[in-house]
Each structure stands twice: as structure tokens, then as C-alpha cells.
Protein backbone atom coordinates (compact mmCIF):
# COMPACT_ATOMS: atom_id res chain seq x y z
CA MET A 1 0.00 0.00 0.00
CA THR A 2 1.34 3.38 -0.99
CA THR A 3 0.63 6.78 0.51
CA LEU A 4 0.87 10.18 -1.15
CA THR A 5 3.07 12.67 0.63
CA ASP A 6 4.32 16.19 -0.31
CA PRO A 7 7.72 16.19 -2.04
CA PRO A 8 10.55 17.14 0.29
CA GLY A 9 11.45 20.82 0.15
CA SER A 10 14.70 21.53 -1.63
CA THR A 11 17.42 23.33 0.25
CA PHE A 12 18.54 26.73 -1.04
CA ARG A 13 21.96 26.86 -2.72
CA LEU A 14 23.85 29.86 -4.04
CA SER A 15 23.99 28.35 -7.52
CA MET A 16 20.18 28.64 -7.65
CA LEU A 17 20.53 32.44 -7.94
CA LEU A 18 21.61 31.93 -11.57
CA ASN A 19 20.36 28.43 -12.41
CA ASP A 20 16.84 28.67 -10.95
CA THR A 21 14.39 30.69 -13.03
CA ARG A 22 12.63 31.79 -9.87
CA TYR A 23 15.64 33.82 -8.75
CA ARG A 24 17.59 34.51 -11.96
CA SER A 25 15.80 37.70 -13.09
CA THR A 26 15.96 39.23 -9.62
CA THR A 27 19.64 38.35 -9.29
CA LEU A 28 20.49 39.93 -12.64
CA GLN A 29 18.59 43.10 -11.75
CA VAL A 30 20.40 43.40 -8.41
CA ILE A 31 23.76 42.92 -10.12
CA ALA A 32 22.91 45.53 -12.76
CA PHE A 33 21.80 48.00 -10.08
CA ILE A 34 25.02 47.52 -8.10
CA LEU A 35 27.12 48.05 -11.22
CA LEU A 36 25.16 51.18 -12.15
CA MET A 37 25.49 52.70 -8.69
CA SER A 38 29.19 51.85 -8.65
CA ALA A 39 29.69 53.62 -11.97
CA ILE A 40 27.78 56.68 -10.75
CA PHE A 41 29.78 56.77 -7.53
CA TYR A 42 33.05 56.48 -9.46
CA LEU A 43 32.12 59.29 -11.85
CA TYR A 44 30.99 61.54 -8.99
CA SER A 45 34.18 60.85 -7.01
CA ASN A 46 36.28 61.54 -10.08
CA LEU A 47 34.43 64.81 -10.73
CA ALA A 48 34.73 65.91 -7.09
CA THR A 49 38.47 65.13 -7.06
CA ASN A 50 39.12 67.05 -10.29
CA LEU A 51 37.12 70.04 -9.09
CA ARG A 52 38.95 70.08 -5.76
CA GLU A 53 42.34 69.92 -7.48
CA ALA A 54 41.31 72.77 -9.77
CA GLY A 55 40.21 74.87 -6.80
CA LEU A 56 36.55 74.77 -7.82
CA ASN A 57 33.51 73.96 -5.73
CA ILE A 58 29.84 73.55 -6.61
CA SER A 59 27.81 76.33 -5.00
CA PHE A 60 24.48 77.92 -5.88
CA ALA A 61 25.00 81.02 -3.76
CA PHE A 62 25.33 83.11 -6.93
CA LEU A 63 21.56 82.82 -7.43
CA GLY A 64 21.05 85.30 -4.59
CA THR A 65 23.37 88.00 -5.96
CA PRO A 66 22.06 90.88 -8.15
CA ALA A 67 21.78 89.98 -11.82
CA GLY A 68 22.99 93.34 -13.10
CA TYR A 69 21.33 93.19 -16.51
CA ASP A 70 17.98 94.15 -18.02
CA ILE A 71 15.49 91.89 -19.78
CA ASN A 72 13.43 93.37 -22.59
CA GLN A 73 10.26 91.33 -22.04
CA THR A 74 9.13 89.98 -18.69
CA LEU A 75 5.94 88.44 -17.34
CA ILE A 76 6.77 89.31 -13.73
CA GLU A 77 8.32 92.37 -12.14
CA TYR A 78 12.07 92.49 -12.73
CA THR A 79 14.88 95.07 -12.60
CA SER A 80 18.60 94.90 -13.10
CA GLN A 81 19.01 94.79 -9.31
CA SER A 82 16.90 91.64 -9.01
CA SER A 83 18.65 88.42 -8.13
CA ASN A 84 19.97 85.89 -10.60
CA LEU A 85 17.31 83.51 -9.32
CA ARG A 86 14.55 85.94 -10.32
CA ALA A 87 16.20 86.40 -13.71
CA ALA A 88 16.13 82.64 -14.11
CA PHE A 89 12.41 82.61 -13.23
CA VAL A 90 11.82 85.29 -15.86
CA GLY A 91 13.62 83.12 -18.40
CA ILE A 92 11.59 80.06 -17.37
CA LEU A 93 8.30 81.92 -17.78
CA ASN A 94 9.39 83.28 -21.16
CA THR A 95 10.34 79.78 -22.29
CA LEU A 96 7.02 78.32 -21.13
CA LEU A 97 5.14 81.18 -22.81
CA VAL A 98 6.67 80.71 -26.25
CA ALA A 99 6.45 76.91 -25.96
CA PHE A 100 2.75 77.07 -25.01
CA LEU A 101 1.87 79.49 -27.81
CA ALA A 102 3.88 77.52 -30.37
CA CYS A 103 2.31 74.20 -29.36
CA ILE A 104 -1.19 75.60 -29.85
CA MET A 105 -0.48 77.27 -33.19
CA ALA A 106 1.57 74.34 -34.51
CA THR A 107 -1.33 72.01 -33.68
CA ILE A 108 -3.76 74.26 -35.56
CA PHE A 109 -1.45 74.49 -38.58
CA GLY A 110 -0.72 70.77 -38.51
CA VAL A 111 -4.35 69.63 -38.28
CA ILE A 112 -5.50 71.96 -41.04
CA ALA A 113 -2.58 71.09 -43.34
CA GLY A 114 -2.89 67.37 -42.60
CA VAL A 115 -6.59 67.30 -43.46
CA LEU A 116 -6.10 69.40 -46.59
CA ARG A 117 -3.27 67.10 -47.68
CA LEU A 118 -6.00 64.53 -48.34
CA SER A 119 -8.35 66.97 -50.07
CA LYS A 120 -9.95 65.96 -53.35
CA ASN A 121 -9.03 69.36 -54.74
CA TRP A 122 -5.76 68.92 -56.64
CA LEU A 123 -4.57 72.50 -56.11
CA VAL A 124 -5.22 72.50 -52.36
CA ARG A 125 -3.59 69.11 -51.97
CA LYS A 126 -0.44 70.20 -53.80
CA LEU A 127 -0.21 73.51 -51.96
CA MET A 128 -0.26 71.69 -48.63
CA ALA A 129 2.38 69.26 -49.93
CA VAL A 130 4.58 72.23 -50.89
CA TYR A 131 4.11 73.73 -47.41
CA VAL A 132 5.08 70.49 -45.69
CA GLU A 133 8.12 69.79 -47.87
CA ILE A 134 9.49 73.34 -47.72
CA PHE A 135 9.09 74.05 -44.04
CA ARG A 136 10.17 70.71 -42.61
CA ASN A 137 13.29 70.46 -44.82
CA ILE A 138 14.73 73.86 -43.89
CA PRO A 139 16.22 74.17 -40.36
CA VAL A 140 14.09 76.03 -37.86
CA LEU A 141 17.06 78.30 -37.16
CA ILE A 142 16.78 79.68 -40.71
CA TRP A 143 13.04 80.29 -40.31
CA ILE A 144 13.63 82.21 -37.08
CA LEU A 145 16.08 84.49 -38.87
CA ILE A 146 13.78 84.95 -41.88
CA ILE A 147 10.70 85.86 -39.85
CA TYR A 148 12.70 88.14 -37.55
CA ALA A 149 14.20 89.92 -40.56
CA LEU A 150 10.77 90.37 -42.14
CA MET A 151 9.41 91.66 -38.85
CA THR A 152 12.16 94.25 -38.36
CA ILE A 153 12.57 95.33 -42.01
CA ALA A 154 9.04 95.28 -43.41
CA SER A 155 7.30 96.79 -40.36
CA PRO A 156 7.34 100.58 -39.80
CA SER A 157 9.26 102.19 -36.96
CA PRO A 158 7.37 103.95 -34.14
CA ARG A 159 8.31 107.36 -35.54
CA ALA A 160 6.30 106.51 -38.68
CA PHE A 161 3.14 106.93 -36.58
CA ARG A 162 4.03 110.52 -35.54
CA GLY A 163 2.77 113.79 -36.94
CA ASP A 164 0.44 114.83 -39.73
CA ASP A 165 2.67 113.24 -42.35
CA ALA A 166 2.64 109.85 -40.65
CA THR A 167 3.13 106.94 -43.02
CA ALA A 168 1.56 104.41 -40.66
CA SER A 169 -1.54 104.36 -38.49
CA MET A 170 -2.80 102.36 -35.56
CA ILE A 171 -5.29 99.55 -36.08
CA LEU A 172 -8.71 100.62 -34.74
CA ASP A 173 -6.88 103.28 -32.72
CA GLY A 174 -5.80 100.62 -30.26
CA ALA A 175 -3.03 98.46 -31.74
CA ALA A 176 0.19 99.14 -33.63
CA ILE A 177 2.54 96.88 -35.57
CA THR A 178 6.12 98.16 -35.52
CA ASN A 179 9.61 96.82 -36.14
CA ARG A 180 10.05 96.62 -32.37
CA GLY A 181 6.98 94.50 -31.82
CA VAL A 182 3.21 94.60 -31.68
CA TYR A 183 1.47 96.92 -29.20
CA VAL A 184 -2.07 95.99 -28.16
CA PRO A 185 -4.41 97.16 -25.37
CA GLY A 186 -3.46 95.64 -22.04
CA PRO A 187 -6.08 94.50 -19.51
CA PHE A 188 -5.96 95.61 -15.89
CA PHE A 189 -8.32 95.70 -12.91
CA THR A 190 -9.56 98.85 -11.16
CA ARG A 191 -10.83 97.01 -8.09
CA GLY A 192 -10.89 93.58 -6.54
CA ILE A 193 -8.95 91.65 -3.93
CA GLY A 194 -5.56 92.82 -5.11
CA GLY A 195 -6.51 96.34 -6.08
CA GLU A 196 -5.32 97.96 -9.28
CA ASP A 197 -2.61 97.09 -11.80
CA GLY A 198 -3.90 93.60 -12.54
CA SER A 199 -2.70 91.89 -9.41
CA VAL A 200 -1.74 88.25 -9.37
CA ILE A 201 -4.63 87.39 -7.03
CA ASN A 202 -7.21 88.81 -9.45
CA TRP A 203 -5.73 86.89 -12.36
CA LEU A 204 -5.68 83.71 -10.28
CA LEU A 205 -9.40 84.22 -9.66
CA VAL A 206 -9.98 84.52 -13.41
CA ILE A 207 -8.00 81.32 -14.06
CA ALA A 208 -9.88 79.51 -11.28
CA VAL A 209 -13.25 80.48 -12.78
CA LEU A 210 -12.16 79.29 -16.24
CA ILE A 211 -10.97 75.97 -14.81
CA GLY A 212 -14.26 75.60 -12.93
CA SER A 213 -16.22 76.30 -16.11
CA PHE A 214 -14.20 73.66 -17.94
CA VAL A 215 -14.89 71.06 -15.25
CA VAL A 216 -18.61 71.83 -15.12
CA THR A 217 -18.99 71.67 -18.92
CA ARG A 218 -17.26 68.29 -18.92
CA MET A 219 -19.73 67.10 -16.30
CA VAL A 220 -22.68 68.38 -18.33
CA THR A 221 -21.36 66.68 -21.46
CA ALA A 222 -20.75 63.41 -19.60
CA ARG A 223 -24.31 63.50 -18.25
CA ALA A 224 -25.65 64.11 -21.76
CA ASN A 225 -23.64 61.14 -23.04
CA ALA A 226 -25.06 58.93 -20.30
CA THR A 227 -28.61 60.07 -21.13
CA GLN A 228 -28.03 59.35 -24.80
CA GLU A 229 -26.77 55.84 -24.09
CA ALA A 230 -29.74 55.13 -21.80
CA THR A 231 -32.57 56.64 -23.88
CA GLY A 232 -31.14 57.13 -27.36
CA VAL A 233 -31.96 60.85 -27.20
CA ARG A 234 -29.19 63.37 -26.60
CA PRO A 235 -30.07 66.53 -24.64
CA ASN A 236 -29.09 69.83 -26.19
CA THR A 237 -26.09 71.10 -24.22
CA LEU A 238 -24.86 73.88 -26.52
CA TRP A 239 -26.54 76.83 -24.80
CA THR A 240 -25.94 75.38 -21.35
CA ASN A 241 -22.21 75.02 -21.97
CA LEU A 242 -21.99 78.51 -23.50
CA ALA A 243 -23.70 79.97 -20.43
CA ILE A 244 -21.36 78.06 -18.11
CA TRP A 245 -18.34 79.42 -19.98
CA PHE A 246 -19.34 83.06 -20.44
CA VAL A 247 -21.71 84.09 -17.63
CA PRO A 248 -19.37 83.45 -14.64
CA ILE A 249 -16.31 85.03 -16.29
CA ILE A 250 -18.28 88.10 -17.45
CA VAL A 251 -19.72 88.61 -13.97
CA LEU A 252 -16.26 88.22 -12.37
CA LEU A 253 -14.63 90.67 -14.79
CA PHE A 254 -17.39 93.19 -14.09
CA ILE A 255 -16.89 92.83 -10.33
CA LEU A 256 -13.12 93.24 -10.66
CA GLY A 257 -13.56 96.29 -12.89
CA LEU A 258 -11.79 95.15 -16.04
CA ALA A 259 -10.32 98.08 -18.01
CA TRP A 260 -7.94 98.45 -20.95
CA ASP A 261 -4.68 100.35 -21.15
CA ILE A 262 -4.38 101.72 -24.70
CA PRO A 263 -0.81 102.13 -26.08
CA GLU A 264 0.16 105.71 -26.94
CA LEU A 265 3.10 107.12 -28.84
CA LYS A 266 5.29 109.09 -26.45
CA GLY A 267 8.70 110.29 -27.54
CA PHE A 268 10.35 107.78 -29.82
CA ASN A 269 8.33 104.72 -28.78
CA PHE A 270 4.92 103.54 -27.64
CA SER A 271 4.12 103.36 -23.96
CA GLY A 272 1.29 101.67 -22.16
CA GLY A 273 -0.67 98.69 -23.31
CA LEU A 274 0.79 95.26 -23.84
CA LYS A 275 3.90 94.77 -25.95
CA VAL A 276 4.60 91.56 -27.84
CA GLY A 277 8.23 91.93 -28.89
CA ALA A 278 9.56 91.12 -32.34
CA PRO A 279 11.84 88.35 -30.98
CA LEU A 280 8.87 86.59 -29.38
CA ILE A 281 6.80 86.86 -32.56
CA ALA A 282 9.66 85.54 -34.72
CA LEU A 283 10.33 82.59 -32.42
CA TRP A 284 6.63 81.85 -31.96
CA PHE A 285 5.77 81.76 -35.66
CA ALA A 286 8.96 79.99 -36.72
CA LEU A 287 8.47 77.15 -34.25
CA SER A 288 4.77 76.95 -35.18
CA ILE A 289 5.09 76.70 -38.94
CA TYR A 290 8.15 74.44 -38.74
CA THR A 291 6.67 71.95 -36.29
CA GLY A 292 3.25 72.26 -37.91
CA ALA A 293 4.69 70.66 -41.06
CA PHE A 294 5.67 67.57 -39.06
CA ILE A 295 2.33 67.46 -37.26
CA ALA A 296 0.59 67.63 -40.64
CA GLU A 297 2.26 64.39 -41.67
CA ASN A 298 1.24 62.78 -38.38
CA VAL A 299 -2.36 63.88 -38.96
CA ARG A 300 -2.33 62.58 -42.53
CA ALA A 301 -1.00 59.20 -41.40
CA GLY A 302 -3.59 59.03 -38.62
CA ILE A 303 -6.47 59.77 -41.01
CA GLN A 304 -5.26 57.20 -43.53
CA ALA A 305 -5.06 54.63 -40.74
CA VAL A 306 -8.85 54.82 -40.31
CA SER A 307 -10.67 52.28 -42.44
CA LYS A 308 -12.55 53.70 -45.43
CA GLY A 309 -15.53 51.65 -44.29
CA GLN A 310 -15.94 54.09 -41.39
CA THR A 311 -16.24 57.02 -43.80
CA GLU A 312 -18.62 55.14 -46.10
CA ALA A 313 -20.82 54.10 -43.17
CA ALA A 314 -20.99 57.67 -41.91
CA ALA A 315 -21.83 58.97 -45.38
CA ALA A 316 -24.55 56.34 -45.68
CA LEU A 317 -26.15 57.81 -42.56
CA GLY A 318 -26.38 61.17 -44.32
CA LEU A 319 -23.53 62.99 -42.56
CA ARG A 320 -21.85 65.76 -44.51
CA PRO A 321 -18.10 65.37 -45.29
CA GLY A 322 -17.12 67.96 -42.69
CA ARG A 323 -19.12 66.21 -39.98
CA VAL A 324 -17.72 62.85 -41.03
CA MET A 325 -14.21 64.18 -40.56
CA SER A 326 -14.87 65.84 -37.18
CA LEU A 327 -17.15 63.19 -35.65
CA VAL A 328 -15.95 59.91 -37.11
CA VAL A 329 -12.49 60.07 -38.65
CA LEU A 330 -10.49 62.43 -36.42
CA PRO A 331 -11.57 60.90 -33.08
CA GLN A 332 -10.33 57.51 -34.28
CA ALA A 333 -7.23 58.97 -35.92
CA LEU A 334 -6.19 60.58 -32.62
CA ARG A 335 -5.06 57.17 -31.38
CA VAL A 336 -2.41 57.24 -34.09
CA ILE A 337 -1.73 60.99 -34.01
CA VAL A 338 -1.20 61.63 -30.28
CA PRO A 339 1.93 59.47 -29.62
CA PRO A 340 4.13 61.21 -32.24
CA LEU A 341 2.47 64.51 -31.32
CA ILE A 342 4.08 64.24 -27.87
CA SER A 343 7.51 64.18 -29.49
CA GLN A 344 6.69 67.30 -31.50
CA TYR A 345 5.66 69.19 -28.36
CA LEU A 346 8.93 68.17 -26.73
CA ASN A 347 10.83 69.38 -29.80
CA ILE A 348 9.10 72.76 -29.59
CA THR A 349 10.08 73.15 -25.94
CA LYS A 350 13.71 72.24 -26.60
CA ASN A 351 13.98 74.21 -29.85
CA SER A 352 12.88 77.32 -27.96
CA SER A 353 16.47 77.44 -26.69
CA LEU A 354 17.32 79.03 -30.07
CA ALA A 355 15.65 82.20 -28.78
CA ILE A 356 19.02 83.69 -27.88
CA LEU A 357 19.65 84.11 -31.61
CA VAL A 358 17.08 86.94 -31.85
CA GLY A 359 17.55 88.33 -28.35
CA TYR A 360 14.57 86.72 -26.67
CA ALA A 361 15.34 86.20 -22.99
CA ASP A 362 14.44 82.58 -22.39
CA ILE A 363 16.03 80.37 -19.74
CA THR A 364 18.98 79.57 -22.00
CA ALA A 365 19.67 83.25 -22.64
CA THR A 366 19.38 84.30 -19.00
CA LEU A 367 20.68 81.46 -16.85
CA GLY A 368 22.74 79.71 -19.52
CA GLY A 369 23.97 82.90 -21.16
CA ILE A 370 24.37 86.16 -19.29
CA THR A 371 24.32 84.74 -15.76
CA LEU A 372 26.82 82.03 -16.66
CA ASN A 373 29.21 84.54 -18.27
CA GLN A 374 28.99 87.00 -15.38
CA THR A 375 29.37 84.52 -12.53
CA GLY A 376 31.55 81.89 -14.20
CA ARG A 377 29.44 79.14 -12.62
CA ALA A 378 29.27 76.99 -15.72
CA ILE A 379 28.67 73.66 -13.99
CA GLU A 380 25.87 74.97 -11.78
CA CYS A 381 24.14 76.82 -14.63
CA VAL A 382 24.31 73.83 -16.95
CA LEU A 383 22.99 71.51 -14.24
CA LEU A 384 20.05 73.84 -13.63
CA LEU A 385 19.35 74.09 -17.35
CA MET A 386 19.39 70.32 -17.69
CA ALA A 387 17.07 69.96 -14.70
CA PHE A 388 14.59 72.47 -16.13
CA TYR A 389 14.38 70.96 -19.61
CA LEU A 390 14.20 67.46 -18.14
CA ALA A 391 11.37 68.44 -15.80
CA ALA A 392 9.48 70.30 -18.53
CA SER A 393 9.79 67.36 -20.91
CA LEU A 394 8.66 64.85 -18.29
CA ILE A 395 5.64 66.99 -17.37
CA ILE A 396 4.59 67.39 -21.02
CA SER A 397 5.01 63.67 -21.60
CA ALA A 398 2.99 62.82 -18.49
CA VAL A 399 0.11 65.14 -19.40
CA MET A 400 -0.03 63.94 -23.01
CA ASN A 401 0.20 60.30 -21.94
CA VAL A 402 -2.83 60.79 -19.70
CA TYR A 403 -4.70 62.21 -22.68
CA ASN A 404 -3.42 59.40 -24.88
CA ASN A 405 -4.71 56.79 -22.42
CA SER A 406 -8.11 58.47 -22.42
CA MET A 407 -8.27 58.04 -26.20
CA LYS A 408 -7.71 54.29 -26.09
CA LEU A 409 -10.48 51.87 -27.00
CA LYS A 410 -12.54 50.92 -23.98
CA GLU A 411 -13.34 47.21 -23.80
CA ARG A 412 -16.80 46.21 -22.61
């Protein structure tokens, strides 16, 4: 008679770390981690030894000393007596501004050009092909120089707006395009929590209301989608969403006393209002039209990845071609478009470092340019630059990956 018993447990041996599949992967990862940390420690020790022998030390105390230079366009208050840290913040905000504007405009250019690349009109299709081939095959550095030259040469100087024999005039008596930049009316608040001069608190309130409107409209749309799935009838949300967007912000602006500062010609230049400098415009448009050519190809590939049966089915339901593209084709094409679109947004952010070419004070021009030359802290400045671009790239990737995951097919 035989009895069934559990097999005897095997004793652990060191050879099992490599021979046993249960432990092999973990062992290899531990070994790789130890080797990596050893290499990092060796490189750091070598760097510290070389710096010590050269009489150098890593210190960020220079960030607290006065910068000693002016910046032509700032989003926050800044003077030449401000610290190098504040100058770096000015450069960071300028970099984020041009990157944000360029990402939006490049997306608009890319989507329009990508859709028109597939137009049935031969002339439109070829014109978009010419745009794509010309702009993406010429370096963005050249386009920055071209647009900046056109901006400074073709536009009139401020003195052209002076006197009875003026050769230029303001647009609607409120805006002026000059070779120094574009001057437009600037908003400010006459009352509110922060008082006059458009305080940060008042603007934060405006941003908070806009974010709240966005969240509420998403909730209204989600509820309408749920009602449609349950009953087959979709409630009309157009006027509701428009009211949610416009009524709260109009009421808030009225309470805060929104007013406009009109630019006026005083002396040899305009004063007042809001100035958008020629370097910012050149960098903004160059990055937009250059990257837009690449996005156009991504959009074209995404549209062609959608089965023609989808278009034919939508047309059979009586949808017009424009509605077929916006409601059927593009939502499905986004699953193909968004992943390479992330890389294009990252390229815009990193290519903005070319701003120093036209005198736009981004983070590379301030921290990696003037501050580095004045203080001689090359290692510290480069490390901070690397940290900023790395953080910005990771944040953009994270945000776009969240959006990309939301566009994936949902299994039921």
C-alpha cells in the first residue's frame, strides 16, 4: 500500500541564484543595479576630485546675488538689481510662454494642413504638400532668422506713426505693428482683492473660474452622453455650456472692474498697453510653422489609418463630409496621431532654446547665457538648465500620456 506525501522541500543553494528561473531575473537586476550605482559613484568621485584639485567647488549662492542686466520682455516684475534667481524665473516663464503658444499654433497648422493634404481638390492638396516639404526640410534656425528679418525690415518704426505726415496708423486706434513689436491694449483691474494694476490674485481668480467652467462643462457633457446611451436621445447642451463658460467670467470681470490700457506714442516709442516683442513673434511663428509641417504628416498618417468603411458608413447615414471628418475620422485617428504629437511638443520646448539668436530672454539666454558669463558658474548653470528641460519634458510627456490613455479603446 502506498501513501501520497508532499515532495521534500529543496534546500537553497547559491547556484540557484543563476540556475533557478525563480531567482535569476531578480539576481540579474540586483547585479545591474550595483554596477550602475558603482559607476555613478566612481564618476561623482572623479568629478569631485578634479574640481577640488582645480580649486573649484559647486555652490548655488550666486543665485542670490544681483543679476545686473535688463530683460526686454518679462511676465513678472524684474529690474537689473533683481537676483539671478529671479532672472532665471523670468527666463523660465518666457520659455514656457513661447512653448505654449507655439504648441497651440503648430497644432492648428498641422491639423489643417494634414486634413487638406488629403483633399480631393488637386490645387489644395499640392499647396499643402509644398508647405510640408518646404518648411520641414529647412532648419528652424533659418526660419527664425527669416521671420525676424521680415518683422524688423518690413514693419514701420514707431516714428512713422508721428505727426500729420505719418506713413503708418494704428489699427482701430488701439493696436500698432512696428519693427520693435506689436502693441495691443493691455487688460488691468480697477478694483478687486488685489486692487489695481492687474494683481496676481485677481488673475488667479480669473483662471480659477475658467478651470471651474471647464470642469462643469465636462460634467454636463458626460451627463448628456449617459442620457443618450440610456434613452437614445441626446439633450441639447450647446446653450448650457456657453452659459457656463461666459456668464461666470463676465460677472467676475465686471466685479473686478476690467479696463484696458491703450498704447500711446510718447517720444520715440509707444508706452502703455501690452507689448509683444519682435523676438517673441519671430520665435513663436517659426516654431509653429516648422513643427506644424511635421504634425501635418502625423495627422495625414492618422487619417489614412482609419478604415474607409468608417467614412462610407458615416456617409450612408447622411452625414456631410465635414461632420464625417470631425465626428468619425479624427476621433479615431487621434489614437495614431497623439503618440508622435508628444515628441513634437517636446521638440518645440527644446527648440525654444534658439531664442538667444534673436535676443529673446528665455532660460537659456538668462541662466545659460548672461548669468553664466557673469558669474563663471558653468557647472551649476548647466545643471540647472538640464534639470529644467528634463522636468518640462517629463511633465509634457505625463500630461499627453494621460490624454493618450483616455483616447484608447474601452473594452466592454
